Each structure stands twice: as structure tokens, then as C-alpha cells.
Amino acid sequence: AAAAVLKVITAAQTTMLAIPVLDGDAKYTKKSHIYRTPAQRIWVVLLPATATCLTDVWFQTAILSSAIGYDFVLAIANVSGAFLDGFFAEWESGGAVPNGSKTEALHLISEDMRASFLSTYTSWAGMVGVAASIAHSRSSFLIGLGYIIVSILCSFVAVQLGSDFAKYIASSAPITNTSYQFAKKAHHILHRFMVLLILYIIASYIYLDRGGTQNLIDGKNLVIASTAWNQLSLSILFAVCGAYAGNKVADDITPKIFQGSMLPM
């Protein structure tokens, strides 16, 4: 659902960019899929898997090995996710103009980051669940509601900060053509980044293996053994399927939503 919302918002931004401007300024509106190679299609699997390892392995370790509670860690995840959403939204919509191979790489991966990584990394349901737990433990509905309000307000601020940061590191000079001067080097950067993420996921599994397998659910009639590896693998599978399904639905409904729009296409 989160991925579908992100895609619809992106379509709205792209539609607005189609409106002619009078001062001659042109936004950078090259589409990510133009540059997509077959190897890069692995992002739809790799990015949700990376986000799942981060939240289910390393965030859980931080919670268990310190005095930091789950409510605080989840708030950090959602606020930092909002910052990244604002950051990559600028690269995706063309508000931030690439001025080199590194920033071009940000532009190329921006759509996948928002739709595949952030849709897994952030959790509205988790925030509401934590708020309910806090309200129950403190016997106060207002405390739980306050947690939601503060989280949302911080996320709004984080989105704007992320957007401003993207514009800060981008070029202010308008691009008047659609040359691919940075695309080749940008692809090399993304390929190296892809390898690093694969190593990161492998390291997460190795870390779980060193900690030993955990039979968290009693019973001998389970179809899949309840081990740490299996639980992480299932979480990754569901995350990948959810991100892909959300993307697919958004791609299908976006043209219908804007077909009757009064805005110029």
C-alpha cells in the first residue's frame, strides 16, 4: 500500500512538471526506466531484502543489547525514512538536477529506493501498534495519540529537510538536453553498490548463524522450522512480494487516475 501511494504521488509530480514554464527553466525529467539494464531489475528484490535485514536483524539487536526501546527505534526508522523519501523524491521528480555520475546514480535509483526500500523500511502499522502499546501500558489514550502526532510532525519536518538536502547537493544549472553523459559511470556506481548490498545481506545471515538458531515457537508439527534464518527469509519474501505488488498496482491505476485530469499531460 505504501509503495502504491508513493507511485501515485510521483505521477502527480511528473504531471505538474509537464506544465510549460515561462522563464525558460527546465526541470530534469529523464525517466529511470530509460536507463534500466536487465541486471538492475534485481533492485526489486535486493532493496526490500536490505531493508528487512536492517529492521529485523540490526534494529532488533540494538533494542536487545541496549536500553533503547522498540518505540524509540521505530520512531527513528520512520523519521529517517521520511527524510530519505523527501531526498529521493527530488531526484525522481526532477527537482534535483544531477551534476555528475554520483548524483546521476541517485536519480537512477530514486524510484526503486522509494518504492522498494522505503515501503519496507518504514511502518505506519508499526507506529500505530507501538502507540497502542504505550497507551495500554500507561493507561492513557492521550500518550499513545501524542506518540503518533509527534512521529508524524517529525516526519513532515524530515521530508522537507531531505528535499532541501537533495537540492543543496544538486546542480542549479538547468539541463537543456537529455544526453547520457553521466549514465555509464552512474551504472558502474550502482553495480558496485549492488554488490555491497549483497555482501551486507550475507553478513546479516552470518550474524544470525553465529548467534545460533532460535526455536521461538514450541511444537514439532511446523511445516517450516522456526529458526532465525527461516524467519528472516520469510520476512524478506513477504517484503519483496509486497513491494512488487504495490508497484504493480500503482503502475496499473496511475494512468487511469490522471486520464481525466484537467492538468496538461
Protein backbone atom coordinates (compact mmCIF):
# COMPACT_ATOMS: atom_id res chain seq x y z
CA ALA A 1 0.00 0.00 0.00
CA ALA A 2 2.82 2.37 0.86
CA ALA A 3 4.50 1.64 -2.47
CA ALA A 4 1.25 2.37 -4.34
CA VAL A 5 0.84 5.73 -2.61
CA LEU A 6 4.44 6.68 -3.39
CA LYS A 7 3.97 5.86 -7.09
CA VAL A 8 0.76 7.88 -7.35
CA ILE A 9 2.43 10.88 -5.69
CA THR A 10 5.34 10.57 -8.12
CA ALA A 11 2.92 10.53 -11.07
CA ALA A 12 1.31 13.70 -9.79
CA GLN A 13 4.71 15.37 -9.52
CA THR A 14 5.61 14.30 -13.06
CA THR A 15 2.29 15.64 -14.34
CA MET A 16 2.98 19.02 -12.77
CA LEU A 17 6.41 19.08 -14.38
CA ALA A 18 4.73 18.77 -17.79
CA ILE A 19 3.24 22.28 -17.42
CA PRO A 20 5.20 24.71 -19.62
CA VAL A 21 7.26 27.33 -17.75
CA LEU A 22 7.65 30.89 -18.96
CA ASP A 23 11.10 31.72 -17.61
CA GLY A 24 12.90 29.09 -19.66
CA ASP A 25 13.93 26.93 -16.71
CA ALA A 26 13.58 23.23 -17.37
CA LYS A 27 13.47 20.53 -14.76
CA TYR A 28 15.42 17.34 -15.12
CA THR A 29 12.72 14.86 -16.12
CA LYS A 30 14.63 11.90 -17.52
CA LYS A 31 12.91 8.65 -16.61
CA SER A 32 14.70 5.99 -14.60
CA HIS A 33 13.39 3.14 -16.74
CA ILE A 34 15.13 4.56 -19.81
CA TYR A 35 18.47 3.69 -18.25
CA ARG A 36 17.43 0.41 -16.61
CA THR A 37 19.52 -2.59 -17.58
CA PRO A 38 18.49 -6.24 -17.06
CA ALA A 39 20.93 -6.52 -14.14
CA GLN A 40 19.27 -3.60 -12.37
CA ARG A 41 15.93 -5.40 -12.19
CA ILE A 42 17.34 -7.16 -9.16
CA TRP A 43 16.69 -3.96 -7.18
CA VAL A 44 13.08 -5.03 -6.65
CA VAL A 45 14.43 -7.98 -4.65
CA LEU A 46 17.62 -6.53 -3.24
CA LEU A 47 16.26 -3.33 -1.72
CA PRO A 48 13.36 -4.89 0.24
CA ALA A 49 15.77 -7.59 1.44
CA THR A 50 18.22 -4.94 2.60
CA ALA A 51 15.53 -3.05 4.47
CA THR A 52 14.29 -6.24 6.11
CA CYS A 53 17.79 -7.16 7.31
CA LEU A 54 18.17 -3.68 8.74
CA THR A 55 14.91 -3.68 10.65
CA ASP A 56 14.67 -7.36 11.63
CA VAL A 57 18.31 -8.05 12.43
CA TRP A 58 20.27 -4.95 13.32
CA PHE A 59 17.47 -2.85 14.80
CA GLN A 60 16.40 -5.83 16.91
CA THR A 61 19.99 -6.25 18.08
CA ALA A 62 20.12 -2.59 19.08
CA ILE A 63 16.90 -2.99 21.04
CA LEU A 64 18.00 -6.15 22.86
CA SER A 65 21.57 -5.02 23.63
CA SER A 66 20.75 -1.56 24.94
CA ALA A 67 18.24 0.37 26.95
CA ILE A 68 16.68 1.77 23.76
CA GLY A 69 13.07 0.69 23.47
CA TYR A 70 11.25 -0.52 20.40
CA ASP A 71 9.08 2.59 20.38
CA PHE A 72 12.13 4.85 20.07
CA VAL A 73 13.82 2.70 17.42
CA LEU A 74 10.64 2.58 15.32
CA ALA A 75 10.28 6.36 15.58
CA ILE A 76 13.86 6.77 14.35
CA ALA A 77 13.17 4.41 11.46
CA ASN A 78 10.03 6.26 10.37
CA VAL A 79 11.58 9.73 10.68
CA SER A 80 14.76 8.73 8.86
CA GLY A 81 12.59 7.03 6.23
CA ALA A 82 10.68 10.27 5.76
CA PHE A 83 13.98 12.11 5.31
CA LEU A 84 15.07 9.63 2.64
CA ASP A 85 11.67 9.86 0.94
CA GLY A 86 11.98 13.63 0.64
CA PHE A 87 15.57 13.24 -0.54
CA PHE A 88 14.88 10.69 -3.28
CA ALA A 89 11.58 12.32 -4.28
CA GLU A 90 13.55 15.33 -5.51
CA TRP A 91 15.83 13.15 -7.63
CA GLU A 92 12.89 11.20 -9.03
CA SER A 93 10.70 14.18 -9.88
CA GLY A 94 13.49 16.26 -11.42
CA GLY A 95 13.57 18.91 -8.69
CA ALA A 96 17.22 17.99 -8.07
CA VAL A 97 19.44 18.09 -11.16
CA PRO A 98 22.32 15.59 -11.38
CA ASN A 99 25.68 17.29 -11.84
CA GLY A 100 27.90 14.21 -12.03
CA SER A 101 27.95 10.44 -12.08
CA LYS A 102 27.24 10.10 -8.35
CA THR A 103 24.20 12.34 -8.40
CA GLU A 104 23.07 10.67 -11.63
CA ALA A 105 23.19 7.37 -9.75
CA LEU A 106 20.92 8.90 -7.12
CA HIS A 107 18.50 9.89 -9.86
CA LEU A 108 18.54 6.42 -11.42
CA ILE A 109 17.89 4.56 -8.18
CA SER A 110 15.46 7.07 -6.68
CA GLU A 111 12.25 5.38 -7.87
CA ASP A 112 13.39 1.97 -6.65
CA MET A 113 14.52 3.38 -3.32
CA ARG A 114 11.14 4.93 -2.63
CA ALA A 115 9.00 2.07 -3.94
CA SER A 116 11.07 -0.94 -2.83
CA PHE A 117 13.30 0.10 0.06
CA LEU A 118 11.27 2.73 1.91
CA SER A 119 7.99 0.82 1.56
CA THR A 120 9.66 -1.93 3.61
CA TYR A 121 11.80 0.20 5.89
CA THR A 122 9.04 2.41 7.26
CA SER A 123 5.93 1.14 9.03
CA TRP A 124 2.72 3.04 9.67
CA ALA A 125 1.14 -0.07 11.16
CA GLY A 126 4.12 -0.47 13.49
CA MET A 127 3.80 3.11 14.67
CA VAL A 128 0.12 2.68 15.44
CA GLY A 129 0.81 -0.63 17.19
CA VAL A 130 3.51 0.92 19.38
CA ALA A 131 1.21 3.83 20.20
CA ALA A 132 -1.49 1.38 21.28
CA SER A 133 1.01 -0.50 23.47
CA ILE A 134 2.18 2.71 25.09
CA ALA A 135 -1.38 3.84 25.70
CA HIS A 136 -2.21 0.46 27.25
CA SER A 137 0.89 0.32 29.46
CA ARG A 138 0.47 3.90 30.66
CA SER A 139 -3.33 3.62 30.85
CA SER A 140 -3.59 6.82 28.87
CA PHE A 141 -5.06 7.21 25.40
CA LEU A 142 -3.56 10.70 25.11
CA ILE A 143 0.00 9.42 25.50
CA GLY A 144 -0.48 6.98 22.63
CA LEU A 145 -2.08 9.67 20.50
CA GLY A 146 0.75 12.04 21.36
CA TYR A 147 3.29 9.48 20.16
CA ILE A 148 1.54 9.29 16.77
CA ILE A 149 1.25 13.08 16.44
CA VAL A 150 4.89 13.70 17.37
CA SER A 151 6.06 10.99 14.97
CA ILE A 152 4.02 12.44 12.11
CA LEU A 153 5.16 16.02 12.78
CA CYS A 154 8.80 14.95 12.93
CA SER A 155 8.32 13.05 9.67
CA PHE A 156 6.90 16.14 7.95
CA VAL A 157 9.95 18.12 9.01
CA ALA A 158 12.25 15.28 7.92
CA VAL A 159 10.68 15.13 4.44
CA GLN A 160 11.36 18.82 3.91
CA LEU A 161 14.91 18.51 5.22
CA GLY A 162 15.54 15.61 2.87
CA SER A 163 14.18 17.60 -0.06
CA ASP A 164 16.32 20.62 0.82
CA PHE A 165 19.41 18.44 1.18
CA ALA A 166 18.88 16.93 -2.28
CA LYS A 167 18.59 20.39 -3.81
CA TYR A 168 21.67 21.53 -1.91
CA ILE A 169 23.93 18.86 -3.39
CA ALA A 170 22.39 19.09 -6.86
CA SER A 171 23.38 21.38 -9.67
CA SER A 172 21.42 24.62 -10.03
CA ALA A 173 22.26 24.90 -13.73
CA PRO A 174 19.33 23.86 -15.97
CA ILE A 175 19.87 20.95 -18.36
CA THR A 176 18.52 21.69 -21.82
CA ASN A 177 19.11 18.26 -23.40
CA THR A 178 18.75 14.59 -22.50
CA SER A 179 22.37 13.49 -23.02
CA TYR A 180 23.62 10.43 -21.21
CA GLN A 181 26.95 11.94 -20.21
CA PHE A 182 26.81 10.61 -16.64
CA ALA A 183 24.80 7.43 -17.21
CA LYS A 184 27.65 4.98 -17.88
CA LYS A 185 29.65 5.86 -14.77
CA ALA A 186 26.43 6.01 -12.76
CA HIS A 187 25.63 2.43 -13.74
CA HIS A 188 29.07 1.32 -12.59
CA ILE A 189 28.48 3.00 -9.24
CA LEU A 190 25.11 1.28 -8.85
CA HIS A 191 26.61 -2.10 -9.76
CA ARG A 192 29.22 -1.69 -7.03
CA PHE A 193 26.51 -0.59 -4.63
CA MET A 194 24.53 -3.70 -5.57
CA VAL A 195 27.48 -5.93 -4.69
CA LEU A 196 27.87 -4.17 -1.33
CA LEU A 197 24.21 -4.76 -0.51
CA ILE A 198 24.51 -8.45 -1.38
CA LEU A 199 27.51 -8.73 0.96
CA TYR A 200 25.53 -6.86 3.61
CA ILE A 201 22.65 -9.36 3.38
CA ILE A 202 25.08 -12.28 3.57
CA ALA A 203 26.72 -10.70 6.63
CA SER A 204 23.29 -10.41 8.26
CA TYR A 205 22.69 -14.13 7.78
CA ILE A 206 26.17 -14.95 9.12
CA TYR A 207 25.47 -12.81 12.17
CA LEU A 208 22.27 -14.74 12.82
CA ASP A 209 24.12 -18.01 12.40
CA ARG A 210 26.76 -17.01 14.95
CA GLY A 211 24.01 -16.21 17.39
CA GLY A 212 22.57 -19.70 16.90
CA THR A 213 19.17 -20.73 15.70
CA GLN A 214 16.19 -19.96 17.88
CA ASN A 215 13.10 -22.10 18.23
CA LEU A 216 10.79 -19.27 19.13
CA ILE A 217 7.63 -21.33 18.69
CA ASP A 218 7.12 -24.60 20.52
CA GLY A 219 5.80 -27.53 18.53
CA LYS A 220 7.05 -30.29 16.30
CA ASN A 221 4.43 -30.17 13.54
CA LEU A 222 5.61 -26.98 11.86
CA VAL A 223 5.99 -27.09 8.08
CA ILE A 224 8.96 -24.73 8.27
CA ALA A 225 11.29 -24.92 11.26
CA SER A 226 11.15 -21.79 13.37
CA THR A 227 14.78 -20.75 13.10
CA ALA A 228 16.28 -17.28 12.81
CA TRP A 229 17.34 -17.94 9.20
CA ASN A 230 13.89 -19.14 8.18
CA GLN A 231 12.15 -16.25 9.87
CA LEU A 232 14.39 -13.72 8.13
CA SER A 233 13.94 -15.48 4.78
CA LEU A 234 10.15 -15.42 5.12
CA SER A 235 10.22 -11.76 6.12
CA ILE A 236 12.30 -10.96 3.04
CA LEU A 237 9.95 -12.98 0.82
CA PHE A 238 6.88 -11.13 2.10
CA ALA A 239 8.65 -7.77 1.83
CA VAL A 240 9.65 -8.42 -1.79
CA CYS A 241 6.17 -9.62 -2.75
CA GLY A 242 4.53 -6.66 -1.00
CA ALA A 243 6.79 -4.10 -2.65
CA TYR A 244 6.35 -5.68 -6.09
CA ALA A 245 2.57 -5.95 -5.74
CA GLY A 246 2.30 -2.34 -4.56
CA ASN A 247 4.39 -1.18 -7.51
CA LYS A 248 2.33 -3.22 -9.94
CA VAL A 249 -0.97 -1.87 -8.63
CA ALA A 250 0.33 1.70 -8.72
CA ASP A 251 1.54 1.31 -12.31
CA ASP A 252 -1.87 -0.02 -13.32
CA ILE A 253 -4.04 2.60 -11.62
CA THR A 254 -1.92 5.72 -12.15
CA PRO A 255 -2.78 6.22 -15.86
CA LYS A 256 -6.48 5.80 -15.04
CA ILE A 257 -6.33 8.32 -12.23
CA PHE A 258 -4.75 11.02 -14.38
CA GLN A 259 -6.54 10.17 -17.64
CA GLY A 260 -9.32 12.60 -16.87
CA SER A 261 -7.12 15.15 -15.18
CA MET A 262 -7.56 18.81 -16.13
CA LEU A 263 -3.78 19.31 -15.91
CA PRO A 264 -1.88 19.32 -19.24
CA MET A 265 -0.10 16.00 -19.87
